[in-house]
Amino acid sequence: MRTYLLVALLLVTTSVVGQRRVAYRSLEATYVALNAADVVTTYRAINRGGYEENPLLRPIISRPAVFIPVKGLMTLGSLALLRRIGRDSPKAALVYLSILNIGMGAVVYHNYRVTLRIPLGR
């Protein structure tokens, strides 16, 4: 009976850890997709007369060959840092990544709204 309980406990624990890993990887994929959507919506807004509000990226936004790799490296750097945090505190990494996704979602939503407000060809 004890063996069955231990096996059941092991299966439940493995299942929970596996689910957390799937959730984390899904959030990572979402974060990458949201950052890509940020690039697309930012350039759409700029093409309609908008501007980059991030003061760190503003100087390079006019050069897509520089901006896009920098944005990609920032995204990957954030994910690498979160994976390092996740080694010691998986829950904290999951929470931080969730917050980053919410923030990037808000940025993409804002960019999209800006493109709707600015008439084409302005």
PDB file of N, CA and C in Angstrom:
ATOM      1  N   MET A   1       0.825  -1.190   0.000  1.00  0.00           N
ATOM      2  CA  MET A   1       0.000   0.000   0.000  1.00  0.00           C
ATOM      3  C   MET A   1       0.869   1.253   0.000  1.00  0.00           C
ATOM      4  N   ARG A   2       1.941   1.248   0.799  1.00  0.00           N
ATOM      5  CA  ARG A   2       2.823   2.414   0.857  1.00  0.00           C
ATOM      6  C   ARG A   2       3.470   2.665  -0.505  1.00  0.00           C
ATOM      7  N   THR A   3       3.817   1.603  -1.199  1.00  0.00           N
ATOM      8  CA  THR A   3       4.441   1.744  -2.509  1.00  0.00           C
ATOM      9  C   THR A   3       3.488   2.437  -3.475  1.00  0.00           C
ATOM     10  N   TYR A   4       2.213   2.037  -3.443  1.00  0.00           N
ATOM     11  CA  TYR A   4       1.228   2.662  -4.316  1.00  0.00           C
ATOM     12  C   TYR A   4       1.054   4.150  -3.996  1.00  0.00           C
ATOM     13  N   LEU A   5       1.068   4.483  -2.723  1.00  0.00           N
ATOM     14  CA  LEU A   5       0.947   5.883  -2.333  1.00  0.00           C
ATOM     15  C   LEU A   5       2.142   6.696  -2.806  1.00  0.00           C
ATOM     16  N   LEU A   6       3.333   6.102  -2.659  1.00  0.00           N
ATOM     17  CA  LEU A   6       4.534   6.803  -3.118  1.00  0.00           C
ATOM     18  C   LEU A   6       4.522   7.001  -4.629  1.00  0.00           C
ATOM     19  N   VAL A   7       4.095   5.972  -5.355  1.00  0.00           N
ATOM     20  CA  VAL A   7       4.022   6.082  -6.808  1.00  0.00           C
ATOM     21  C   VAL A   7       2.985   7.130  -7.203  1.00  0.00           C
ATOM     22  N   ALA A   8       1.831   7.113  -6.531  1.00  0.00           N
ATOM     23  CA  ALA A   8       0.780   8.106  -6.817  1.00  0.00           C
ATOM     24  C   ALA A   8       1.288   9.516  -6.524  1.00  0.00           C
ATOM     25  N   LEU A   9       1.972   9.707  -5.422  1.00  0.00           N
ATOM     26  CA  LEU A   9       2.517  11.009  -5.057  1.00  0.00           C
ATOM     27  C   LEU A   9       3.544  11.468  -6.089  1.00  0.00           C
ATOM     28  N   LEU A  10       4.389  10.556  -6.517  1.00  0.00           N
ATOM     29  CA  LEU A  10       5.393  10.872  -7.528  1.00  0.00           C
ATOM     30  C   LEU A  10       4.732  11.287  -8.842  1.00  0.00           C
ATOM     31  N   LEU A  11       3.698  10.570  -9.259  1.00  0.00           N
ATOM     32  CA  LEU A  11       2.996  10.906 -10.494  1.00  0.00           C
ATOM     33  C   LEU A  11       2.323  12.273 -10.410  1.00  0.00           C
ATOM     34  N   VAL A  12       1.686  12.563  -9.280  1.00  0.00           N
ATOM     35  CA  VAL A  12       1.032  13.856  -9.103  1.00  0.00           C
ATOM     36  C   VAL A  12       2.065  14.968  -9.110  1.00  0.00           C
ATOM     37  N   THR A  13       3.166  14.794  -8.414  1.00  0.00           N
ATOM     38  CA  THR A  13       4.230  15.797  -8.365  1.00  0.00           C
ATOM     39  C   THR A  13       4.817  16.023  -9.749  1.00  0.00           C
ATOM     40  N   THR A  14       5.092  14.952 -10.463  1.00  0.00           N
ATOM     41  CA  THR A  14       5.633  15.064 -11.813  1.00  0.00           C
ATOM     42  C   THR A  14       4.647  15.781 -12.721  1.00  0.00           C
ATOM     43  N   SER A  15       3.373  15.480 -12.570  1.00  0.00           N
ATOM     44  CA  SER A  15       2.355  16.116 -13.378  1.00  0.00           C
ATOM     45  C   SER A  15       2.304  17.620 -13.123  1.00  0.00           C
ATOM     46  N   VAL A  16       2.361  18.026 -11.852  1.00  0.00           N
ATOM     47  CA  VAL A  16       2.326  19.447 -11.506  1.00  0.00           C
ATOM     48  C   VAL A  16       3.552  20.159 -12.057  1.00  0.00           C
ATOM     49  N   VAL A  17       4.724  19.546 -11.893  1.00  0.00           N
ATOM     50  CA  VAL A  17       5.959  20.146 -12.421  1.00  0.00           C
ATOM     51  C   VAL A  17       5.886  20.236 -13.934  1.00  0.00           C
ATOM     52  N   GLY A  18       5.380  19.196 -14.576  1.00  0.00           N
ATOM     53  CA  GLY A  18       5.237  19.207 -16.030  1.00  0.00           C
ATOM     54  C   GLY A  18       4.279  20.288 -16.498  1.00  0.00           C
ATOM     55  N   GLN A  19       3.174  20.463 -15.769  1.00  0.00           N
ATOM     56  CA  GLN A  19       2.210  21.507 -16.126  1.00  0.00           C
ATOM     57  C   GLN A  19       2.824  22.890 -15.964  1.00  0.00           C
ATOM     58  N   ARG A  20       3.595  23.076 -14.911  1.00  0.00           N
ATOM     59  CA  ARG A  20       4.246  24.370 -14.698  1.00  0.00           C
ATOM     60  C   ARG A  20       5.228  24.654 -15.827  1.00  0.00           C
ATOM     61  N   ARG A  21       5.953  23.614 -16.261  1.00  0.00           N
ATOM     62  CA  ARG A  21       6.913  23.789 -17.346  1.00  0.00           C
ATOM     63  C   ARG A  21       6.191  24.154 -18.647  1.00  0.00           C
ATOM     64  N   VAL A  22       5.068  23.496 -18.912  1.00  0.00           N
ATOM     65  CA  VAL A  22       4.288  23.806 -20.112  1.00  0.00           C
ATOM     66  C   VAL A  22       3.766  25.231 -20.038  1.00  0.00           C
ATOM     67  N   ALA A  23       3.261  25.620 -18.884  1.00  0.00           N
ATOM     68  CA  ALA A  23       2.753  26.994 -18.709  1.00  0.00           C
ATOM     69  C   ALA A  23       3.874  27.998 -18.920  1.00  0.00           C
ATOM     70  N   TYR A  24       5.051  27.719 -18.372  1.00  0.00           N
ATOM     71  CA  TYR A  24       6.179  28.635 -18.497  1.00  0.00           C
ATOM     72  C   TYR A  24       6.598  28.771 -19.962  1.00  0.00           C
ATOM     73  N   ARG A  25       6.705  27.647 -20.650  1.00  0.00           N
ATOM     74  CA  ARG A  25       7.112  27.686 -22.062  1.00  0.00           C
ATOM     75  C   ARG A  25       6.068  28.419 -22.908  1.00  0.00           C
ATOM     76  N   SER A  26       4.805  28.236 -22.568  1.00  0.00           N
ATOM     77  CA  SER A  26       3.744  28.949 -23.283  1.00  0.00           C
ATOM     78  C   SER A  26       3.865  30.457 -23.063  1.00  0.00           C
ATOM     79  N   LEU A  27       4.174  30.847 -21.837  1.00  0.00           N
ATOM     80  CA  LEU A  27       4.356  32.270 -21.550  1.00  0.00           C
ATOM     81  C   LEU A  27       5.589  32.817 -22.264  1.00  0.00           C
ATOM     82  N   GLU A  28       6.638  32.019 -22.371  1.00  0.00           N
ATOM     83  CA  GLU A  28       7.823  32.459 -23.120  1.00  0.00           C
ATOM     84  C   GLU A  28       7.469  32.700 -24.590  1.00  0.00           C
ATOM     85  N   ALA A  29       6.739  31.767 -25.178  1.00  0.00           N
ATOM     86  CA  ALA A  29       6.345  31.908 -26.581  1.00  0.00           C
ATOM     87  C   ALA A  29       5.457  33.139 -26.765  1.00  0.00           C
ATOM     88  N   THR A  30       4.562  33.354 -25.815  1.00  0.00           N
ATOM     89  CA  THR A  30       3.692  34.522 -25.882  1.00  0.00           C
ATOM     90  C   THR A  30       4.508  35.805 -25.789  1.00  0.00           C
ATOM     91  N   TYR A  31       5.511  35.816 -24.922  1.00  0.00           N
ATOM     92  CA  TYR A  31       6.357  37.002 -24.758  1.00  0.00           C
ATOM     93  C   TYR A  31       7.104  37.318 -26.059  1.00  0.00           C
ATOM     94  N   VAL A  32       7.621  36.293 -26.707  1.00  0.00           N
ATOM     95  CA  VAL A  32       8.320  36.495 -27.979  1.00  0.00           C
ATOM     96  C   VAL A  32       7.338  37.027 -29.028  1.00  0.00           C
ATOM     97  N   ALA A  33       6.150  36.432 -29.093  1.00  0.00           N
ATOM     98  CA  ALA A  33       5.144  36.873 -30.066  1.00  0.00           C
ATOM     99  C   ALA A  33       4.713  38.318 -29.801  1.00  0.00           C
ATOM    100  N   LEU A  34       4.534  38.673 -28.540  1.00  0.00           N
ATOM    101  CA  LEU A  34       4.139  40.042 -28.209  1.00  0.00           C
ATOM    102  C   LEU A  34       5.236  41.043 -28.567  1.00  0.00           C
ATOM    103  N   ASN A  35       6.493  40.661 -28.382  1.00  0.00           N
ATOM    104  CA  ASN A  35       7.587  41.557 -28.765  1.00  0.00           C
ATOM    105  C   ASN A  35       7.651  41.720 -30.281  1.00  0.00           C
ATOM    106  N   ALA A  36       7.378  40.653 -31.020  1.00  0.00           N
ATOM    107  CA  ALA A  36       7.326  40.753 -32.484  1.00  0.00           C
ATOM    108  C   ALA A  36       6.158  41.649 -32.895  1.00  0.00           C
ATOM    109  N   ALA A  37       5.024  41.491 -32.235  1.00  0.00           N
ATOM    110  CA  ALA A  37       3.863  42.338 -32.529  1.00  0.00           C
ATOM    111  C   ALA A  37       4.164  43.793 -32.176  1.00  0.00           C
ATOM    112  N   ASP A  38       4.962  44.015 -31.148  1.00  0.00           N
ATOM    113  CA  ASP A  38       5.358  45.381 -30.790  1.00  0.00           C
ATOM    114  C   ASP A  38       6.156  46.015 -31.919  1.00  0.00           C
ATOM    115  N   VAL A  39       7.069  45.262 -32.503  1.00  0.00           N
ATOM    116  CA  VAL A  39       7.868  45.790 -33.622  1.00  0.00           C
ATOM    117  C   VAL A  39       6.952  46.156 -34.786  1.00  0.00           C
ATOM    118  N   VAL A  40       6.051  45.244 -35.143  1.00  0.00           N
ATOM    119  CA  VAL A  40       5.157  45.475 -36.279  1.00  0.00           C
ATOM    120  C   VAL A  40       4.250  46.677 -36.027  1.00  0.00           C
ATOM    121  N   THR A  41       3.629  46.717 -34.863  1.00  0.00           N
ATOM    122  CA  THR A  41       2.689  47.815 -34.590  1.00  0.00           C
ATOM    123  C   THR A  41       3.414  49.150 -34.401  1.00  0.00           C
ATOM    124  N   THR A  42       4.633  49.104 -33.884  1.00  0.00           N
ATOM    125  CA  THR A  42       5.412  50.342 -33.758  1.00  0.00           C
ATOM    126  C   THR A  42       5.705  50.921 -35.140  1.00  0.00           C
ATOM    127  N   TYR A  43       6.162  50.092 -36.066  1.00  0.00           N
ATOM    128  CA  TYR A  43       6.465  50.582 -37.404  1.00  0.00           C
ATOM    129  C   TYR A  43       5.199  51.022 -38.139  1.00  0.00           C
ATOM    130  N   ARG A  44       4.088  50.354 -37.900  1.00  0.00           N
ATOM    131  CA  ARG A  44       2.823  50.816 -38.509  1.00  0.00           C
ATOM    132  C   ARG A  44       2.462  52.205 -38.000  1.00  0.00           C
ATOM    133  N   ALA A  45       2.607  52.400 -36.702  1.00  0.00           N
ATOM    134  CA  ALA A  45       2.291  53.717 -36.124  1.00  0.00           C
ATOM    135  C   ALA A  45       3.235  54.783 -36.671  1.00  0.00           C
ATOM    136  N   ILE A  46       4.522  54.450 -36.770  1.00  0.00           N
ATOM    137  CA  ILE A  46       5.505  55.410 -37.286  1.00  0.00           C
ATOM    138  C   ILE A  46       5.214  55.748 -38.749  1.00  0.00           C
ATOM    139  N   ASN A  47       4.842  54.754 -39.524  1.00  0.00           N
ATOM    140  CA  ASN A  47       4.510  54.999 -40.939  1.00  0.00           C
ATOM    141  C   ASN A  47       3.277  55.878 -41.095  1.00  0.00           C
ATOM    142  N   ARG A  48       2.475  55.968 -40.059  1.00  0.00           N
ATOM    143  CA  ARG A  48       1.285  56.824 -40.101  1.00  0.00           C
ATOM    144  C   ARG A  48       1.529  58.168 -39.408  1.00  0.00           C
ATOM    145  N   GLY A  49       2.760  58.417 -38.975  1.00  0.00           N
ATOM    146  CA  GLY A  49       3.071  59.699 -38.358  1.00  0.00           C
ATOM    147  C   GLY A  49       3.295  59.644 -36.859  1.00  0.00           C
ATOM    148  N   GLY A  50       3.238  58.453 -36.270  1.00  0.00           N
ATOM    149  CA  GLY A  50       3.491  58.318 -34.834  1.00  0.00           C
ATOM    150  C   GLY A  50       4.981  58.338 -34.540  1.00  0.00           C
ATOM    151  N   TYR A  51       5.336  58.077 -33.308  1.00  0.00           N
ATOM    152  CA  TYR A  51       6.748  58.075 -32.925  1.00  0.00           C
ATOM    153  C   TYR A  51       6.971  57.047 -31.814  1.00  0.00           C
ATOM    154  N   GLU A  52       8.223  56.679 -31.637  1.00  0.00           N
ATOM    155  CA  GLU A  52       8.611  55.736 -30.579  1.00  0.00           C
ATOM    156  C   GLU A  52       8.640  56.480 -29.258  1.00  0.00           C
ATOM    157  N   GLU A  53       7.912  55.976 -28.275  1.00  0.00           N
ATOM    158  CA  GLU A  53       7.878  56.638 -26.971  1.00  0.00           C
ATOM    159  C   GLU A  53       8.999  56.192 -26.041  1.00  0.00           C
ATOM    160  N   ASN A  54       9.611  55.048 -26.314  1.00  0.00           N
ATOM    161  CA  ASN A  54      10.693  54.554 -25.466  1.00  0.00           C
ATOM    162  C   ASN A  54      11.961  55.363 -25.760  1.00  0.00           C
ATOM    163  N   PRO A  55      12.436  56.144 -24.785  1.00  0.00           N
ATOM    164  CA  PRO A  55      13.603  57.000 -25.040  1.00  0.00           C
ATOM    165  C   PRO A  55      14.886  56.210 -25.326  1.00  0.00           C
ATOM    166  N   LEU A  56      14.969  54.973 -24.871  1.00  0.00           N
ATOM    167  CA  LEU A  56      16.166  54.171 -25.139  1.00  0.00           C
ATOM    168  C   LEU A  56      16.201  53.671 -26.578  1.00  0.00           C
ATOM    169  N   LEU A  57      15.036  53.422 -27.147  1.00  0.00           N
ATOM    170  CA  LEU A  57      14.983  52.885 -28.507  1.00  0.00           C
ATOM    171  C   LEU A  57      14.747  53.957 -29.566  1.00  0.00           C
ATOM    172  N   ARG A  58      14.337  55.119 -29.154  1.00  0.00           N
ATOM    173  CA  ARG A  58      14.022  56.204 -30.095  1.00  0.00           C
ATOM    174  C   ARG A  58      15.185  56.505 -31.059  1.00  0.00           C
ATOM    175  N   PRO A  59      16.447  56.554 -30.591  1.00  0.00           N
ATOM    176  CA  PRO A  59      17.541  56.890 -31.520  1.00  0.00           C
ATOM    177  C   PRO A  59      17.758  55.857 -32.637  1.00  0.00           C
ATOM    178  N   ILE A  60      17.340  54.609 -32.433  1.00  0.00           N
ATOM    179  CA  ILE A  60      17.618  53.588 -33.451  1.00  0.00           C
ATOM    180  C   ILE A  60      16.376  53.136 -34.212  1.00  0.00           C
ATOM    181  N   ILE A  61      15.214  53.677 -33.877  1.00  0.00           N
ATOM    182  CA  ILE A  61      13.970  53.223 -34.513  1.00  0.00           C
ATOM    183  C   ILE A  61      13.958  53.483 -36.015  1.00  0.00           C
ATOM    184  N   SER A  62      14.677  54.503 -36.463  1.00  0.00           N
ATOM    185  CA  SER A  62      14.696  54.834 -37.889  1.00  0.00           C
ATOM    186  C   SER A  62      15.571  53.872 -38.698  1.00  0.00           C
ATOM    187  N   ARG A  63      16.295  53.011 -38.005  1.00  0.00           N
ATOM    188  CA  ARG A  63      17.164  52.031 -38.684  1.00  0.00           C
ATOM    189  C   ARG A  63      16.702  50.616 -38.330  1.00  0.00           C
ATOM    190  N   PRO A  64      15.762  50.057 -39.098  1.00  0.00           N
ATOM    191  CA  PRO A  64      15.228  48.720 -38.789  1.00  0.00           C
ATOM    192  C   PRO A  64      16.306  47.638 -38.696  1.00  0.00           C
ATOM    193  N   ALA A  65      17.380  47.773 -39.472  1.00  0.00           N
ATOM    194  CA  ALA A  65      18.446  46.767 -39.440  1.00  0.00           C
ATOM    195  C   ALA A  65      19.167  46.751 -38.090  1.00  0.00           C
ATOM    196  N   VAL A  66      19.049  47.829 -37.332  1.00  0.00           N
ATOM    197  CA  VAL A  66      19.628  47.905 -35.992  1.00  0.00           C
ATOM    198  C   VAL A  66      18.546  47.642 -34.942  1.00  0.00           C
ATOM    199  N   PHE A  67      17.392  48.267 -35.128  1.00  0.00           N
ATOM    200  CA  PHE A  67      16.325  48.189 -34.132  1.00  0.00           C
ATOM    201  C   PHE A  67      15.830  46.760 -33.915  1.00  0.00           C
ATOM    202  N   ILE A  68      15.563  46.037 -34.992  1.00  0.00           N
ATOM    203  CA  ILE A  68      14.973  44.703 -34.864  1.00  0.00           C
ATOM    204  C   ILE A  68      15.913  43.738 -34.139  1.00  0.00           C
ATOM    205  N   PRO A  69      17.214  43.674 -34.483  1.00  0.00           N
ATOM    206  CA  PRO A  69      18.098  42.798 -33.705  1.00  0.00           C
ATOM    207  C   PRO A  69      18.236  43.239 -32.240  1.00  0.00           C
ATOM    208  N   VAL A  70      18.276  44.539 -31.990  1.00  0.00           N
ATOM    209  CA  VAL A  70      18.368  45.019 -30.606  1.00  0.00           C
ATOM    210  C   VAL A  70      17.131  44.590 -29.828  1.00  0.00           C
ATOM    211  N   LYS A  71      15.964  44.750 -30.430  1.00  0.00           N
ATOM    212  CA  LYS A  71      14.717  44.341 -29.780  1.00  0.00           C
ATOM    213  C   LYS A  71      14.722  42.832 -29.527  1.00  0.00           C
ATOM    214  N   GLY A  72      15.207  42.063 -30.495  1.00  0.00           N
ATOM    215  CA  GLY A  72      15.298  40.616 -30.330  1.00  0.00           C
ATOM    216  C   GLY A  72      16.249  40.222 -29.209  1.00  0.00           C
ATOM    217  N   LEU A  73      17.389  40.891 -29.142  1.00  0.00           N
ATOM    218  CA  LEU A  73      18.352  40.591 -28.074  1.00  0.00           C
ATOM    219  C   LEU A  73      17.811  40.982 -26.699  1.00  0.00           C
ATOM    220  N   MET A  74      17.077  42.080 -26.642  1.00  0.00           N
ATOM    221  CA  MET A  74      16.467  42.474 -25.374  1.00  0.00           C
ATOM    222  C   MET A  74      15.444  41.419 -24.925  1.00  0.00           C
ATOM    223  N   THR A  75      14.680  40.920 -25.870  1.00  0.00           N
ATOM    224  CA  THR A  75      13.680  39.900 -25.569  1.00  0.00           C
ATOM    225  C   THR A  75      14.352  38.616 -25.079  1.00  0.00           C
ATOM    226  N   LEU A  76      15.338  38.157 -25.824  1.00  0.00           N
ATOM    227  CA  LEU A  76      16.037  36.926 -25.441  1.00  0.00           C
ATOM    228  C   LEU A  76      16.811  37.100 -24.135  1.00  0.00           C
ATOM    229  N   GLY A  77      17.369  38.280 -23.924  1.00  0.00           N
ATOM    230  CA  GLY A  77      18.070  38.552 -22.669  1.00  0.00           C
ATOM    231  C   GLY A  77      17.132  38.486 -21.474  1.00  0.00           C
ATOM    232  N   SER A  78      15.941  39.029 -21.645  1.00  0.00           N
ATOM    233  CA  SER A  78      14.944  38.966 -20.570  1.00  0.00           C
ATOM    234  C   SER A  78      14.586  37.517 -20.255  1.00  0.00           C
ATOM    235  N   LEU A  79      14.391  36.725 -21.309  1.00  0.00           N
ATOM    236  CA  LEU A  79      14.029  35.319 -21.095  1.00  0.00           C
ATOM    237  C   LEU A  79      15.173  34.536 -20.455  1.00  0.00           C
ATOM    238  N   ALA A  80      16.405  34.832 -20.856  1.00  0.00           N
ATOM    239  CA  ALA A  80      17.558  34.156 -20.252  1.00  0.00           C
ATOM    240  C   ALA A  80      17.669  34.495 -18.768  1.00  0.00           C
ATOM    241  N   LEU A  81      17.472  35.756 -18.439  1.00  0.00           N
ATOM    242  CA  LEU A  81      17.511  36.175 -17.039  1.00  0.00           C
ATOM    243  C   LEU A  81      16.410  35.485 -16.239  1.00  0.00           C
ATOM    244  N   LEU A  82      15.232  35.399 -16.805  1.00  0.00           N
ATOM    245  CA  LEU A  82      14.130  34.740 -16.098  1.00  0.00           C
ATOM    246  C   LEU A  82      14.376  33.245 -15.923  1.00  0.00           C
ATOM    247  N   ARG A  83      15.010  32.615 -16.895  1.00  0.00           N
ATOM    248  CA  ARG A  83      15.340  31.190 -16.717  1.00  0.00           C
ATOM    249  C   ARG A  83      16.349  31.007 -15.586  1.00  0.00           C
ATOM    250  N   ARG A  84      17.275  31.931 -15.477  1.00  0.00           N
ATOM    251  CA  ARG A  84      18.243  31.861 -14.374  1.00  0.00           C
ATOM    252  C   ARG A  84      17.531  32.042 -13.039  1.00  0.00           C
ATOM    253  N   ILE A  85      16.615  32.994 -12.965  1.00  0.00           N
ATOM    254  CA  ILE A  85      15.823  33.196 -11.748  1.00  0.00           C
ATOM    255  C   ILE A  85      15.004  31.941 -11.459  1.00  0.00           C
ATOM    256  N   GLY A  86      14.483  31.333 -12.519  1.00  0.00           N
ATOM    257  CA  GLY A  86      13.649  30.147 -12.380  1.00  0.00           C
ATOM    258  C   GLY A  86      14.365  28.938 -11.795  1.00  0.00           C
ATOM    259  N   ARG A  87      15.669  28.895 -11.886  1.00  0.00           N
ATOM    260  CA  ARG A  87      16.411  27.783 -11.263  1.00  0.00           C
ATOM    261  C   ARG A  87      16.247  27.782  -9.748  1.00  0.00           C
ATOM    262  N   ASP A  88      16.292  28.969  -9.170  1.00  0.00           N
ATOM    263  CA  ASP A  88      16.164  29.083  -7.716  1.00  0.00           C
ATOM    264  C   ASP A  88      14.716  29.249  -7.281  1.00  0.00           C
ATOM    265  N   SER A  89      13.930  29.919  -8.092  1.00  0.00           N
ATOM    266  CA  SER A  89      12.551  30.207  -7.709  1.00  0.00           C
ATOM    267  C   SER A  89      11.639  30.132  -8.933  1.00  0.00           C
ATOM    268  N   PRO A  90      11.198  28.925  -9.293  1.00  0.00           N
ATOM    269  CA  PRO A  90      10.357  28.774 -10.481  1.00  0.00           C
ATOM    270  C   PRO A  90       9.068  29.586 -10.417  1.00  0.00           C
ATOM    271  N   LYS A  91       8.479  29.673  -9.237  1.00  0.00           N
ATOM    272  CA  LYS A  91       7.231  30.436  -9.113  1.00  0.00           C
ATOM    273  C   LYS A  91       7.472  31.918  -9.379  1.00  0.00           C
ATOM    274  N   ALA A  92       8.571  32.439  -8.860  1.00  0.00           N
ATOM    275  CA  ALA A  92       8.883  33.855  -9.080  1.00  0.00           C
ATOM    276  C   ALA A  92       9.082  34.128 -10.571  1.00  0.00           C
ATOM    277  N   ALA A  93       9.794  33.249 -11.256  1.00  0.00           N
ATOM    278  CA  ALA A  93      10.017  33.430 -12.693  1.00  0.00           C
ATOM    279  C   ALA A  93       8.695  33.401 -13.450  1.00  0.00           C
ATOM    280  N   LEU A  94       7.807  32.514 -13.045  1.00  0.00           N
ATOM    281  CA  LEU A  94       6.493  32.425 -13.676  1.00  0.00           C
ATOM    282  C   LEU A  94       5.688  33.708 -13.461  1.00  0.00           C
ATOM    283  N   VAL A  95       5.745  34.241 -12.249  1.00  0.00           N
ATOM    284  CA  VAL A  95       5.035  35.488 -11.945  1.00  0.00           C
ATOM    285  C   VAL A  95       5.634  36.653 -12.733  1.00  0.00           C
ATOM    286  N   TYR A  96       6.969  36.767 -12.741  1.00  0.00           N
ATOM    287  CA  TYR A  96       7.624  37.861 -13.475  1.00  0.00           C
ATOM    288  C   TYR A  96       7.302  37.787 -14.964  1.00  0.00           C
ATOM    289  N   LEU A  97       7.340  36.573 -15.520  1.00  0.00           N
ATOM    290  CA  LEU A  97       7.056  36.426 -16.944  1.00  0.00           C
ATOM    291  C   LEU A  97       5.600  36.766 -17.245  1.00  0.00           C
ATOM    292  N   SER A  98       4.716  36.430 -16.340  1.00  0.00           N
ATOM    293  CA  SER A  98       3.301  36.808 -16.508  1.00  0.00           C
ATOM    294  C   SER A  98       3.154  38.325 -16.520  1.00  0.00           C
ATOM    295  N   ILE A  99       3.856  38.987 -15.629  1.00  0.00           N
ATOM    296  CA  ILE A  99       3.803  40.456 -15.568  1.00  0.00           C
ATOM    297  C   ILE A  99       4.379  41.069 -16.845  1.00  0.00           C
ATOM    298  N   LEU A 100       5.490  40.519 -17.337  1.00  0.00           N
ATOM    299  CA  LEU A 100       6.067  41.019 -18.586  1.00  0.00           C
ATOM    300  C   LEU A 100       5.095  40.846 -19.753  1.00  0.00           C
ATOM    301  N   ASN A 101       4.393  39.722 -19.777  1.00  0.00           N
ATOM    302  CA  ASN A 101       3.409  39.490 -20.841  1.00  0.00           C
ATOM    303  C   ASN A 101       2.268  40.493 -20.771  1.00  0.00           C
ATOM    304  N   ILE A 102       1.810  40.774 -19.570  1.00  0.00           N
ATOM    305  CA  ILE A 102       0.743  41.766 -19.408  1.00  0.00           C
ATOM    306  C   ILE A 102       1.229  43.134 -19.890  1.00  0.00           C
ATOM    307  N   GLY A 103       2.448  43.492 -19.506  1.00  0.00           N
ATOM    308  CA  GLY A 103       3.017  44.777 -19.929  1.00  0.00           C
ATOM    309  C   GLY A 103       3.172  44.870 -21.437  1.00  0.00           C
ATOM    310  N   MET A 104       3.711  43.827 -22.055  1.00  0.00           N
ATOM    311  CA  MET A 104       3.889  43.852 -23.508  1.00  0.00           C
ATOM    312  C   MET A 104       2.546  43.834 -24.220  1.00  0.00           C
ATOM    313  N   GLY A 105       1.579  43.136 -23.650  1.00  0.00           N
ATOM    314  CA  GLY A 105       0.233  43.156 -24.223  1.00  0.00           C
ATOM    315  C   GLY A 105      -0.334  44.559 -24.219  1.00  0.00           C
ATOM    316  N   ALA A 106      -0.097  45.283 -23.136  1.00  0.00           N
ATOM    317  CA  ALA A 106      -0.576  46.673 -23.042  1.00  0.00           C
ATOM    318  C   ALA A 106       0.129  47.561 -24.067  1.00  0.00           C
ATOM    319  N   VAL A 107       1.418  47.336 -24.276  1.00  0.00           N
ATOM    320  CA  VAL A 107       2.177  48.121 -25.268  1.00  0.00           C
ATOM    321  C   VAL A 107       1.639  47.866 -26.675  1.00  0.00           C
ATOM    322  N   VAL A 108       1.421  46.608 -27.010  1.00  0.00           N
ATOM    323  CA  VAL A 108       0.911  46.268 -28.344  1.00  0.00           C
ATOM    324  C   VAL A 108      -0.493  46.844 -28.531  1.00  0.00           C
ATOM    325  N   TYR A 109      -1.311  46.743 -27.498  1.00  0.00           N
ATOM    326  CA  TYR A 109      -2.664  47.309 -27.568  1.00  0.00           C
ATOM    327  C   TYR A 109      -2.589  48.823 -27.796  1.00  0.00           C
ATOM    328  N   HIS A 110      -1.708  49.481 -27.072  1.00  0.00           N
ATOM    329  CA  HIS A 110      -1.529  50.931 -27.231  1.00  0.00           C
ATOM    330  C   HIS A 110      -1.099  51.269 -28.660  1.00  0.00           C
ATOM    331  N   ASN A 111      -0.099  50.536 -29.162  1.00  0.00           N
ATOM    332  CA  ASN A 111       0.380  50.788 -30.526  1.00  0.00           C
ATOM    333  C   ASN A 111      -0.746  50.608 -31.543  1.00  0.00           C
ATOM    334  N   TYR A 112      -1.516  49.567 -31.359  1.00  0.00           N
ATOM    335  CA  TYR A 112      -2.617  49.292 -32.278  1.00  0.00           C
ATOM    336  C   TYR A 112      -3.642  50.427 -32.239  1.00  0.00           C
ATOM    337  N   ARG A 113      -3.966  50.882 -31.043  1.00  0.00           N
ATOM    338  CA  ARG A 113      -4.917  51.994 -30.902  1.00  0.00           C
ATOM    339  C   ARG A 113      -4.380  53.267 -31.571  1.00  0.00           C
ATOM    340  N   VAL A 114      -3.084  53.502 -31.446  1.00  0.00           N
ATOM    341  CA  VAL A 114      -2.478  54.686 -32.081  1.00  0.00           C
ATOM    342  C   VAL A 114      -2.620  54.588 -33.596  1.00  0.00           C
ATOM    343  N   THR A 115      -2.391  53.409 -34.161  1.00  0.00           N
ATOM    344  CA  THR A 115      -2.505  53.263 -35.622  1.00  0.00           C
ATOM    345  C   THR A 115      -3.935  53.494 -36.093  1.00  0.00           C
ATOM    346  N   LEU A 116      -4.905  53.208 -35.250  1.00  0.00           N
ATOM    347  CA  LEU A 116      -6.298  53.440 -35.632  1.00  0.00           C
ATOM    348  C   LEU A 116      -6.664  54.917 -35.583  1.00  0.00           C
ATOM    349  N   ARG A 117      -6.016  55.671 -34.689  1.00  0.00           N
ATOM    350  CA  ARG A 117      -6.345  57.097 -34.523  1.00  0.00           C
ATOM    351  C   ARG A 117      -5.673  57.984 -35.553  1.00  0.00           C
ATOM    352  N   ILE A 118      -4.521  57.570 -36.057  1.00  0.00           N
ATOM    353  CA  ILE A 118      -3.782  58.410 -37.006  1.00  0.00           C
ATOM    354  C   ILE A 118      -4.218  58.041 -38.423  1.00  0.00           C
ATOM    355  N   PRO A 119      -4.717  58.999 -39.197  1.00  0.00           N
ATOM    356  CA  PRO A 119      -5.120  58.691 -40.568  1.00  0.00           C
ATOM    357  C   PRO A 119      -3.914  58.294 -41.418  1.00  0.00           C
ATOM    358  N   LEU A 120      -4.113  57.380 -42.316  1.00  0.00           N
ATOM    359  CA  LEU A 120      -3.059  56.916 -43.215  1.00  0.00           C
ATOM    360  C   LEU A 120      -2.574  58.084 -44.084  1.00  0.00           C
ATOM    361  N   GLY A 121      -1.264  58.202 -44.238  1.00  0.00           N
ATOM    362  CA  GLY A 121      -0.688  59.255 -45.070  1.00  0.00           C
ATOM    363  C   GLY A 121      -0.478  60.573 -44.373  1.00  0.00           C
ATOM    364  N   ARG A 122      -0.598  60.587 -43.077  1.00  0.00           N
ATOM    365  CA  ARG A 122      -0.403  61.831 -42.345  1.00  0.00           C
ATOM    366  C   ARG A 122       1.027  62.242 -42.296  1.00  0.00           C
TER     367      ARG A 122
END
